[in-house]
Protein backbone atom coordinates (compact mmCIF):
# COMPACT_ATOMS: atom_id res chain seq x y z
CA MET A 1 0.00 0.00 0.00
CA GLN A 2 1.36 3.41 -1.01
CA SER A 3 1.76 5.79 1.91
CA LEU A 4 0.26 9.29 1.85
CA ILE A 5 3.79 10.74 1.95
CA SER A 6 5.78 8.98 -0.75
CA PRO A 7 9.26 7.56 0.00
CA GLU A 8 10.71 10.10 -2.50
CA SER A 9 9.30 13.13 -0.63
CA ASN A 10 12.52 13.58 1.30
CA MET A 11 12.01 17.01 2.84
CA VAL A 12 8.39 16.35 3.82
CA LEU A 13 9.33 13.00 5.33
CA PHE A 14 12.27 14.47 7.26
CA PHE A 15 9.92 17.20 8.52
CA VAL A 16 7.63 14.51 9.94
CA VAL A 17 10.49 12.51 11.50
CA ALA A 18 12.06 15.63 13.04
CA GLY A 19 8.59 16.73 14.13
CA ALA A 20 7.97 13.44 15.96
CA ALA A 21 11.32 13.85 17.76
CA ALA A 22 10.52 17.47 18.68
CA PHE A 23 7.01 16.48 19.83
CA GLY A 24 8.45 13.82 22.14
CA ILE A 25 11.08 16.16 23.61
CA TYR A 26 8.62 19.05 24.05
CA SER A 27 5.90 16.84 25.56
CA GLU A 28 8.34 15.49 28.17
CA HIS A 29 9.52 19.01 29.01
CA LYS A 30 5.93 20.22 29.41
CA LYS A 31 4.80 17.01 31.25
CA TRP A 32 1.85 16.71 28.84
CA PHE A 33 1.65 12.94 29.34
CA GLY A 34 2.72 12.76 32.98
CA LYS A 35 5.73 10.50 33.51
CA LEU A 36 5.57 9.13 29.97
CA SER A 37 9.04 9.31 28.37
CA GLY A 38 9.53 11.66 25.44
CA ILE A 39 11.13 8.83 23.48
CA LEU A 40 8.02 6.73 24.11
CA VAL A 41 5.86 9.57 22.74
CA THR A 42 8.14 9.90 19.70
CA MET A 43 8.06 6.18 18.88
CA ILE A 44 4.29 5.85 19.37
CA SER A 45 3.68 8.91 17.19
CA MET A 46 5.68 7.49 14.28
CA SER A 47 4.20 4.01 14.77
CA LEU A 48 0.70 5.42 14.47
CA LEU A 49 1.63 7.42 11.36
CA ALA A 50 3.20 4.34 9.76
CA MET A 51 0.25 2.09 10.58
CA ALA A 52 -2.20 4.73 9.31
CA GLY A 53 -0.35 4.87 5.99
CA VAL A 54 0.79 8.46 6.39
CA VAL A 55 4.53 7.67 6.21
CA PRO A 56 6.30 4.66 4.64
CA VAL A 57 6.93 1.69 6.93
CA ALA A 58 10.65 1.52 7.72
CA SER A 59 10.71 -2.30 7.76
CA ASN A 60 9.28 -2.72 4.24
CA PRO A 61 12.10 -4.33 2.19
CA ASN A 62 10.40 -3.47 -1.10
CA ILE A 63 10.80 0.28 -0.85
CA LYS A 64 13.85 2.52 -0.52
CA VAL A 65 13.40 5.50 1.77
CA ASP A 66 16.38 7.86 1.55
CA VAL A 67 15.47 9.74 4.73
CA TYR A 68 15.35 6.54 6.79
CA GLU A 69 18.65 5.36 5.30
CA LEU A 70 20.22 8.76 6.08
CA VAL A 71 19.21 8.45 9.72
CA PHE A 72 20.33 4.82 10.02
CA SER A 73 23.66 5.50 8.31
CA TYR A 74 24.72 8.79 9.91
CA PHE A 75 22.77 9.70 13.03
CA ILE A 76 23.84 6.75 15.20
CA PRO A 77 27.59 6.82 14.35
CA ILE A 78 27.74 10.59 14.95
CA SER A 79 25.52 10.73 18.04
CA ILE A 80 27.32 7.99 19.97
CA PRO A 81 30.62 9.93 20.30
CA MET A 82 28.71 13.04 21.42
CA LEU A 83 27.01 11.05 24.17
CA LEU A 84 30.41 9.79 25.32
CA PHE A 85 32.34 13.05 25.64
CA SER A 86 32.08 12.81 29.44
CA SER A 87 33.01 9.11 29.70
CA ASN A 88 35.92 8.00 31.84
CA ILE A 89 37.34 4.56 31.17
CA VAL A 90 38.27 3.86 34.80
CA LYS A 91 34.76 4.71 35.91
CA ILE A 92 33.28 2.73 33.02
CA VAL A 93 35.02 -0.45 34.15
CA LYS A 94 33.68 0.08 37.67
CA GLU A 95 30.21 1.23 36.59
CA SER A 96 29.64 -1.46 33.95
CA GLY A 97 29.69 -4.09 36.67
CA LYS A 98 26.03 -4.14 37.60
CA LEU A 99 24.80 -3.53 34.06
CA LEU A 100 27.07 -6.29 32.76
CA VAL A 101 25.65 -8.68 35.36
CA ALA A 102 22.10 -7.68 34.38
CA TYR A 103 22.91 -8.08 30.68
CA ILE A 104 24.35 -11.58 31.17
CA LEU A 105 21.30 -12.59 33.22
CA GLY A 106 19.08 -11.21 30.46
CA ALA A 107 20.96 -13.19 27.80
CA ILE A 108 20.58 -16.37 29.87
CA GLY A 109 16.86 -15.60 30.14
CA ILE A 110 16.62 -15.29 26.36
CA VAL A 111 18.38 -18.62 25.78
CA LEU A 112 16.19 -20.42 28.34
CA GLY A 113 13.08 -18.70 26.92
CA CYS A 114 14.10 -19.85 23.46
CA PHE A 115 14.19 -23.50 24.56
CA LEU A 116 10.82 -23.04 26.29
CA ALA A 117 9.24 -21.51 23.18
CA PHE A 118 10.70 -24.26 20.98
CA ASN A 119 9.06 -26.94 23.14
CA ILE A 120 5.60 -25.38 23.26
CA ILE A 121 5.26 -23.68 19.83
CA ASN A 122 5.65 -25.54 16.53
CA LEU A 123 7.12 -23.45 13.71
CA GLY A 124 7.38 -26.37 11.30
CA PRO A 125 10.38 -28.39 10.09
CA ASP A 126 12.76 -25.42 10.41
CA SER A 127 11.82 -24.57 13.99
CA GLY A 128 15.41 -25.05 15.16
CA LYS A 129 16.84 -22.61 12.64
CA THR A 130 14.09 -20.08 13.33
CA ALA A 131 14.76 -20.36 17.08
CA GLY A 132 18.47 -19.81 16.50
CA VAL A 133 17.97 -16.72 14.34
CA ILE A 134 15.52 -15.25 16.87
CA ALA A 135 17.95 -15.93 19.74
CA ALA A 136 20.77 -14.28 17.76
CA THR A 137 18.82 -11.07 17.19
CA LEU A 138 17.49 -10.89 20.76
CA VAL A 139 20.91 -11.43 22.35
CA GLY A 140 22.67 -9.20 19.83
CA GLY A 141 20.76 -7.21 17.24
CA SER A 142 19.69 -6.99 13.60
CA VAL A 143 23.33 -7.46 12.57
CA ASN A 144 23.25 -10.87 14.24
CA PHE A 145 19.87 -11.66 12.66
CA ILE A 146 21.34 -11.37 9.16
CA ALA A 147 24.63 -13.05 10.09
CA ALA A 148 22.90 -16.03 11.74
CA ALA A 149 20.40 -16.30 8.87
CA GLU A 150 23.23 -16.45 6.35
CA ALA A 151 25.18 -18.96 8.42
CA LEU A 152 22.13 -21.21 8.70
CA ASN A 153 20.93 -20.73 5.08
CA PHE A 154 17.75 -19.29 6.57
CA SER A 155 17.56 -16.20 4.33
CA THR A 156 15.70 -18.17 1.63
CA ASN A 157 13.28 -19.73 4.13
CA PRO A 158 9.60 -18.66 3.84
CA LEU A 159 9.70 -17.68 7.52
CA PHE A 160 12.58 -15.22 6.95
CA THR A 161 10.49 -12.19 5.94
CA ALA A 162 7.82 -13.05 8.51
CA THR A 163 10.42 -13.20 11.26
CA ILE A 164 11.85 -9.81 10.27
CA ALA A 165 8.36 -8.26 10.39
CA VAL A 166 7.58 -9.79 13.79
CA ASP A 167 11.01 -8.83 15.14
CA ASN A 168 10.40 -5.15 14.34
CA PHE A 169 6.87 -5.18 15.70
CA VAL A 170 7.46 -7.06 18.95
CA SER A 171 10.79 -5.39 19.75
CA ASN A 172 9.18 -1.95 19.39
CA LEU A 173 6.30 -2.94 21.66
CA TYR A 174 8.71 -4.37 24.21
CA THR A 175 10.79 -1.16 24.14
CA LEU A 176 7.66 0.88 24.82
CA PHE A 177 6.91 -1.44 27.76
CA LEU A 178 10.42 -0.94 29.16
CA PHE A 179 9.98 2.84 29.10
CA LEU A 180 6.80 2.39 31.16
CA THR A 181 8.28 -0.09 33.65
CA PRO A 182 9.83 2.43 36.12
CA SER A 183 6.40 4.06 36.54
CA LEU A 184 4.65 0.74 37.30
CA LEU A 185 4.67 0.94 41.09
CA PHE A 186 3.49 -2.65 41.66
CA LEU A 187 6.80 -3.89 40.17
CA SER A 188 8.95 -1.86 42.57
CA ARG A 189 9.04 -4.66 45.17
CA PHE A 190 11.14 -6.75 42.80
CA PHE A 191 14.00 -4.23 42.59
CA VAL A 192 16.37 -2.57 45.01
CA LYS A 193 16.09 1.19 45.48
CA PRO A 194 17.38 3.14 42.43
CA LYS A 195 21.02 4.16 42.89
CA ALA A 196 21.48 7.90 43.29
CA GLU A 197 25.01 7.79 41.86
CA ASN A 198 23.68 6.74 38.43
CA ARG A 199 21.61 9.91 38.16
CA VAL A 200 24.24 12.51 37.31
CA GLU A 201 22.67 15.94 37.34
CA GLU A 202 24.75 18.81 36.05
CA SER A 203 24.88 21.70 38.46
CA SER A 204 23.54 25.05 37.35
CA ALA A 205 27.04 26.46 37.88
CA LYS A 206 28.51 24.01 35.39
CA LYS A 207 25.76 24.74 32.88
CA ALA A 208 26.35 28.44 33.29
CA GLU A 209 30.09 27.95 32.91
CA TYR A 210 29.74 25.97 29.67
CA PRO A 211 26.50 27.09 27.98
CA ILE A 212 25.40 25.72 24.60
CA THR A 213 26.78 27.98 21.89
CA MET A 214 27.06 27.88 18.09
CA GLU A 215 30.82 27.40 18.39
CA ARG A 216 30.45 24.44 20.75
CA ILE A 217 27.81 22.83 18.52
CA ALA A 218 30.08 23.17 15.48
CA VAL A 219 33.15 21.79 17.27
CA SER A 220 31.17 18.96 18.91
CA VAL A 221 29.70 17.80 15.59
CA PHE A 222 33.11 18.09 13.91
CA ILE A 223 34.83 15.95 16.55
CA ALA A 224 32.01 13.38 16.55
CA ALA A 225 32.06 13.18 12.74
CA PHE A 226 35.85 12.78 12.80
CA ILE A 227 35.59 9.91 15.31
CA ALA A 228 32.77 8.29 13.32
CA GLY A 229 34.74 8.65 10.09
CA ALA A 230 37.87 7.17 11.65
CA GLY A 231 35.89 4.24 13.04
CA SER A 232 34.20 3.58 9.71
CA PHE A 233 37.56 3.75 7.93
CA VAL A 234 39.27 1.28 10.27
CA SER A 235 36.29 -1.12 10.54
CA PRO A 236 36.70 -2.97 7.18
CA TYR A 237 40.38 -3.64 7.85
CA LEU A 238 39.67 -5.05 11.32
CA GLN A 239 36.80 -7.16 9.96
CA SER A 240 39.15 -8.54 7.30
CA LEU A 241 41.84 -9.20 9.90
CA LEU A 242 39.37 -11.04 12.15
CA ASN A 243 37.71 -12.73 9.13
CA THR A 244 34.22 -11.71 10.24
CA ASP A 245 31.19 -10.34 8.38
CA ILE A 246 29.93 -8.56 11.49
CA ASN A 247 30.02 -4.78 11.11
CA LEU A 248 32.43 -3.61 13.80
CA SER A 249 32.15 0.12 13.05
CA ILE A 250 29.94 0.98 16.07
CA LEU A 251 32.31 -0.91 18.36
CA ILE A 252 35.37 0.91 16.96
CA ILE A 253 33.61 4.30 17.05
CA THR A 254 32.74 3.69 20.71
CA VAL A 255 36.33 2.72 21.53
CA PHE A 256 37.68 5.82 19.74
CA ALA A 257 35.15 8.06 21.51
CA VAL A 258 36.07 6.66 24.93
CA LEU A 259 39.79 7.03 24.13
CA ALA A 260 39.26 10.66 23.08
CA ALA A 261 37.30 11.38 26.25
CA ASN A 262 40.09 9.93 28.40
CA LEU A 263 43.04 11.34 26.48
CA PHE A 264 41.61 14.87 26.18
CA PRO A 265 39.24 15.28 29.18
CA LYS A 266 40.03 18.98 29.76
CA GLN A 267 39.53 19.87 26.10
CA LEU A 268 36.21 18.04 25.87
CA GLN A 269 34.79 19.17 29.21
CA PRO A 270 33.49 22.53 27.86
CA LEU A 271 31.70 20.59 25.09
CA GLU A 272 30.02 17.94 27.27
CA ASN A 273 26.68 19.66 27.81
CA THR A 274 26.39 20.80 24.19
CA ALA A 275 27.45 17.45 22.72
CA PHE A 276 25.10 15.47 24.96
CA SER A 277 22.11 17.64 24.01
CA VAL A 278 22.79 17.40 20.26
CA GLY A 279 23.58 13.68 20.49
CA LEU A 280 20.39 12.95 22.40
CA TRP A 281 18.33 14.86 19.79
CA MET A 282 19.88 12.71 17.06
CA MET A 283 18.96 9.60 19.06
CA TYR A 284 15.36 10.84 19.25
CA VAL A 285 15.29 11.19 15.45
CA PHE A 286 16.75 7.69 15.07
CA LEU A 287 14.11 6.21 17.39
CA ALA A 288 11.38 8.02 15.46
CA VAL A 289 12.47 6.03 12.41
CA ILE A 290 12.57 2.84 14.52
CA GLY A 291 8.97 3.63 15.49
CA ALA A 292 8.07 3.78 11.80
CA ALA A 293 9.23 0.16 11.40
CA THR A 294 5.97 -1.21 12.79
CA ASN A 295 4.05 -3.02 10.06
CA ILE A 296 0.84 -4.35 11.58
CA GLN A 297 -0.50 -5.69 8.25
CA GLN A 298 2.47 -8.02 7.81
CA ILE A 299 2.05 -9.33 11.33
CA PHE A 300 -1.57 -10.32 10.78
CA SER A 301 -0.86 -11.89 7.38
CA ILE A 302 1.70 -14.44 8.59
CA GLY A 303 -0.22 -16.03 11.45
CA PRO A 304 0.38 -16.02 15.21
CA ALA A 305 3.05 -18.72 15.56
CA VAL A 306 6.21 -16.60 15.13
CA LEU A 307 4.60 -13.79 17.15
CA ALA A 308 3.82 -16.21 19.99
CA PHE A 309 7.40 -17.54 19.83
CA TYR A 310 8.83 -14.05 20.28
CA LEU A 311 6.40 -13.14 23.06
CA THR A 312 7.19 -16.33 24.97
CA ILE A 313 10.91 -15.56 24.92
CA MET A 314 10.48 -11.91 25.86
CA VAL A 315 8.04 -12.58 28.71
CA PHE A 316 10.31 -15.29 30.14
CA HIS A 317 13.35 -13.01 29.73
CA PHE A 318 11.73 -10.17 31.67
CA LEU A 319 10.31 -12.41 34.43
CA PHE A 320 13.71 -14.11 34.77
CA LEU A 321 15.40 -10.73 35.23
CA MET A 322 12.79 -9.58 37.75
CA ALA A 323 13.07 -12.81 39.73
CA LEU A 324 16.83 -12.37 40.14
CA ALA A 325 16.96 -8.56 40.46
CA LYS A 326 16.99 -8.38 44.26
CA LEU A 327 19.40 -11.30 44.57
CA PHE A 328 21.94 -9.44 42.43
CA LYS A 329 20.95 -6.02 43.90
CA LEU A 330 19.73 -4.55 40.60
CA ASP A 331 17.48 -1.50 40.46
CA VAL A 332 14.69 -0.99 37.93
CA TYR A 333 16.82 1.20 35.65
CA GLU A 334 19.64 -1.35 35.47
CA VAL A 335 17.11 -4.04 34.57
CA VAL A 336 15.29 -2.10 31.85
CA ILE A 337 18.45 -0.62 30.29
CA SER A 338 20.21 -4.00 30.20
CA SER A 339 17.03 -5.57 28.81
CA ALA A 340 16.91 -2.89 26.10
CA ALA A 341 20.55 -3.68 25.28
CA ASN A 342 19.56 -7.35 24.95
CA ILE A 343 16.47 -6.90 22.82
CA MET A 344 17.18 -3.73 20.82
CA GLY A 345 20.93 -3.20 21.17
CA PRO A 346 23.07 -0.22 22.20
CA SER A 347 21.28 2.29 19.94
CA VAL A 348 18.19 2.02 22.15
CA ALA A 349 19.87 1.33 25.51
CA ALA A 350 21.93 4.55 25.32
CA PRO A 351 19.08 7.06 24.74
CA MET A 352 16.89 5.13 27.20
CA ALA A 353 19.52 5.61 29.91
CA ALA A 354 19.89 9.28 29.01
CA SER A 355 16.15 10.01 28.89
CA MET A 356 15.63 8.31 32.26
CA GLY A 357 18.30 10.52 33.81
CA GLN A 358 20.74 7.61 34.25
CA LYS A 359 23.61 9.36 32.50
CA LYS A 360 26.25 7.15 34.13
CA LEU A 361 24.61 4.12 32.49
CA VAL A 362 24.80 5.50 28.92
CA THR A 363 28.31 4.18 28.21
CA PRO A 364 27.82 0.82 29.98
CA GLY A 365 24.55 0.45 28.03
CA ILE A 366 26.43 0.87 24.77
CA LEU A 367 29.25 -1.45 25.86
CA VAL A 368 26.99 -4.34 26.94
CA GLY A 369 24.90 -3.87 23.80
CA ILE A 370 28.04 -4.18 21.67
CA LEU A 371 28.95 -7.31 23.64
CA GLY A 372 25.68 -8.68 22.25
CA TYR A 373 26.89 -8.02 18.71
CA VAL A 374 29.97 -10.10 19.49
CA ILE A 375 28.24 -13.11 21.08
CA GLY A 376 24.76 -13.02 19.47
CA THR A 377 25.55 -14.88 16.25
CA PHE A 378 27.58 -17.56 18.06
CA ILE A 379 24.76 -18.18 20.55
CA GLY A 380 22.06 -18.22 17.83
CA VAL A 381 23.91 -20.62 15.52
CA SER A 382 24.79 -22.90 18.47
CA ILE A 383 21.12 -23.08 19.51
CA ALA A 384 20.04 -23.79 15.94
CA ILE A 385 22.58 -26.62 15.58
CA TYR A 386 21.53 -28.11 18.92
CA LEU A 387 17.78 -27.96 18.15
CA SER A 388 17.92 -29.06 14.50
């Protein structure tokens, strides 16, 4: 079905995407929807527009949308360095501890949930391969989905397109649920009290000392683009050296950004507030496009089996994390951010941490999400081989 705004209407489409991001940010600032996150408002807005046929669906493989590709290709690589200007590698090692524990627990929950879903839901003769591909994408991300599918010769399977459609739909719904979780008071008994040290609030003196200026915006974007360019340049050589098809550019960009922040902390300090604000806006725009990936028609056309498989894994994953949260002294933010890193990867975990005020969990969220890229394909293929 042709959308009201055609995929070729680049400026109109970018206006809508930027408008959804602005609407989410403004609504959160004005408290229009209570405690509802601005990112949640942004994603829901674009989801509704996509489902209503106003904008093209981002997950439709049959259409090329230049605006969506622009956002996917440039906004994440450039925004990640800007969100990391204030990172300190010594603190990261210390602060990643709890989030790393939560992430590993979440990955275990996904693997166990995958075996549970396999035993109660029949996806046909290729159930094992389908389970492996789903596990790969939930532990890692879409990169692992494609890599595992290629490794298992699943890309020509009739369930391939259906699984992609369900993956987009269910992952978006789950992300929206995670944004709501901290406000669900009846769940608070399962978590320890939120840690005050993770909520880094900049003092008014610091903001006054380093206000957002045109010069700081220009320099911040320049440095971030330089880091992103360097990471993208080095990535193919490292992939060739390691003999892997996994795109390592986000990992390398993150490493370069952290190195820059630790090698030049005094030079980057005046840019921190400016860079974080611009980077977070770019993340909002990216998540608006993610919201447009919901394709409800495709979900209904392929039957409930794959959908039920995904839901079984995700429900078990979340319940598993909740059941162990107090034992491992995890608060609600550590659980939802690590879960977002599991299900949606670092590109969602980072802005989720930032929007929830957990600025000290932004870098660990990216790092554990990238860990998923590293282990996701291996886990998925191993599960597929075991179950087939």
